[in-house]
């Protein structure tokens, strides 16, 4: 195993940790927030469900 292989594995581990610890939770929180905002805004425009 040469130095390039070791640095490549280290870089892959750092990227994996970044994706799983930081990026995935942030993206899921943004996605849930966007869905909640969309539902909230649609209820402002059309009223709550069953208010026909």
Protein backbone atom coordinates (compact mmCIF):
# COMPACT_ATOMS: atom_id res chain seq x y z
CA UNK A 1 0.00 0.00 0.00
CA UNK A 2 1.62 3.22 -1.11
CA UNK A 3 1.15 6.78 0.12
CA UNK A 4 -1.33 7.73 -2.60
CA UNK A 5 -3.60 4.85 -1.64
CA UNK A 6 -3.45 5.84 2.03
CA UNK A 7 -4.27 9.48 1.30
CA UNK A 8 -7.07 8.44 -1.01
CA UNK A 9 -8.62 6.21 1.67
CA UNK A 10 -8.25 9.00 4.22
CA UNK A 11 -9.97 11.43 1.87
CA UNK A 12 -12.77 8.94 1.22
CA UNK A 13 -13.29 8.49 4.97
CA UNK A 14 -13.42 12.26 5.52
CA UNK A 15 -15.95 12.67 2.70
CA UNK A 16 -18.07 9.81 4.05
CA UNK A 17 -18.10 11.30 7.56
CA UNK A 18 -18.99 14.72 6.15
CA UNK A 19 -21.87 13.26 4.14
CA UNK A 20 -23.30 11.16 6.96
CA UNK A 21 -22.75 13.51 9.90
CA UNK A 22 -23.37 16.91 8.31
CA UNK A 23 -24.89 16.86 4.86
CA UNK A 24 -27.59 14.18 5.24
CA UNK A 25 -29.13 15.64 8.43
CA UNK A 26 -29.03 19.17 7.05
CA UNK A 27 -30.65 18.13 3.77
CA UNK A 28 -33.34 16.11 5.53
CA UNK A 29 -34.14 19.03 7.84
CA UNK A 30 -34.40 21.35 4.83
CA UNK A 31 -36.64 18.85 3.03
CA UNK A 32 -38.98 18.44 6.01
CA UNK A 33 -39.09 22.21 6.52
CA UNK A 34 -39.90 22.79 2.86
CA UNK A 35 -42.70 20.23 2.97
CA UNK A 36 -44.14 21.80 6.13
CA UNK A 37 -43.96 25.27 4.60
CA UNK A 38 -45.66 24.06 1.44
CA UNK A 39 -48.52 22.48 3.39
CA UNK A 40 -48.85 25.56 5.62
CA UNK A 41 -48.93 27.93 2.64
CA UNK A 42 -51.42 25.78 0.73
CA UNK A 43 -53.71 25.83 3.77
CA UNK A 44 -53.48 29.62 3.87
CA UNK A 45 -54.66 29.76 0.27
CA UNK A 46 -57.30 27.04 0.29
CA UNK A 47 -58.25 26.66 3.94
CA UNK A 48 -57.75 23.67 6.22
CA UNK A 49 -58.77 20.19 5.10
CA UNK A 50 -62.49 19.52 5.31
CA UNK A 51 -63.44 23.21 5.33
CA UNK A 52 -65.30 22.79 2.03
